[in-house]
Amino acid sequence: MEELLDYIVKSLVDNKDSVKIERREESSAVVFEISVDPDEIGMVIGKNGKIAQAIRAILHSASRKEDKKYIVKIK
């Protein structure tokens, strides 16, 4: 799942080296924290958060096979 998220985020930004994804296990979910260059944060969030919502929807659909809940946070 982390590879999918990494591929999506790196496709959105110009500075691919600035993308960092931290995975943290919690009791009921897996939390991914995305951090990118501050100048490109808008590319990941999108207008009115539409791209961030789409990323979360893709992970939600992909997680159905694994029976895990994934949470995406953008720093």
Protein backbone atom coordinates (compact mmCIF):
# COMPACT_ATOMS: atom_id res chain seq x y z
CA MET A 1 0.00 0.00 0.00
CA GLU A 2 2.86 2.34 0.79
CA GLU A 3 4.29 1.82 -2.70
CA LEU A 4 0.96 2.83 -4.24
CA LEU A 5 0.81 5.99 -2.14
CA ASP A 6 4.43 6.80 -2.94
CA TYR A 7 3.78 6.41 -6.67
CA ILE A 8 0.70 8.65 -6.58
CA VAL A 9 2.31 11.45 -4.59
CA LYS A 10 5.55 11.44 -6.59
CA SER A 11 3.51 11.67 -9.79
CA LEU A 12 1.90 14.88 -8.53
CA VAL A 13 4.99 16.85 -7.49
CA ASP A 14 8.03 18.15 -9.36
CA ASN A 15 10.58 17.63 -6.57
CA LYS A 16 10.27 13.87 -6.07
CA ASP A 17 13.17 13.76 -3.60
CA SER A 18 11.23 15.86 -1.09
CA VAL A 19 8.46 13.27 -0.74
CA LYS A 20 8.57 11.41 2.56
CA ILE A 21 5.94 8.95 3.70
CA GLU A 22 5.94 7.74 7.28
CA ARG A 23 3.95 4.65 8.21
CA ARG A 24 2.66 4.25 11.75
CA GLU A 25 0.63 1.33 13.10
CA GLU A 26 -2.16 2.17 15.51
CA SER A 27 -4.58 -0.14 17.24
CA SER A 28 -7.28 -0.05 14.57
CA ALA A 29 -5.58 1.48 11.56
CA VAL A 30 -2.41 2.21 9.64
CA VAL A 31 -1.59 5.92 9.41
CA PHE A 32 0.45 7.34 6.54
CA GLU A 33 1.88 10.82 7.04
CA ILE A 34 2.93 12.51 3.81
CA SER A 35 5.37 15.39 3.82
CA VAL A 36 6.49 17.25 0.70
CA ASP A 37 8.23 20.49 -0.17
CA PRO A 38 6.10 23.37 1.23
CA ASP A 39 5.96 24.97 -2.22
CA GLU A 40 4.28 21.86 -3.63
CA ILE A 41 1.83 21.02 -0.86
CA GLY A 42 -0.98 22.48 -2.94
CA MET A 43 -0.31 19.93 -5.67
CA VAL A 44 -1.00 17.10 -3.21
CA ILE A 45 -4.01 18.70 -1.51
CA GLY A 46 -5.62 20.15 -4.63
CA LYS A 47 -8.31 22.76 -4.93
CA ASN A 48 -10.74 22.40 -2.02
CA GLY A 49 -8.93 19.18 -1.04
CA LYS A 50 -10.15 17.25 -4.08
CA ILE A 51 -6.84 15.50 -4.80
CA ALA A 52 -6.37 14.55 -1.14
CA GLN A 53 -9.90 13.10 -1.13
CA ALA A 54 -9.14 11.14 -4.29
CA ILE A 55 -5.94 9.72 -2.77
CA ARG A 56 -7.88 8.62 0.30
CA ALA A 57 -10.58 7.05 -1.89
CA ILE A 58 -8.01 5.07 -3.87
CA LEU A 59 -6.39 3.74 -0.69
CA HIS A 60 -9.79 2.91 0.74
CA SER A 61 -10.68 0.90 -2.37
CA ALA A 62 -7.32 -0.88 -2.42
CA SER A 63 -7.56 -1.71 1.29
CA ARG A 64 -10.74 -3.73 0.88
CA LYS A 65 -8.65 -6.80 0.03
CA GLU A 66 -6.58 -6.48 3.21
CA ASP A 67 -9.31 -5.75 5.77
CA LYS A 68 -7.31 -2.86 7.21
CA LYS A 69 -8.18 0.78 7.63
CA TYR A 70 -5.73 3.28 6.19
CA ILE A 71 -5.59 6.94 7.17
CA VAL A 72 -3.70 9.51 5.11
CA LYS A 73 -2.46 12.71 6.74
CA ILE A 74 -0.70 15.46 4.86
CA LYS A 75 1.77 17.52 6.88
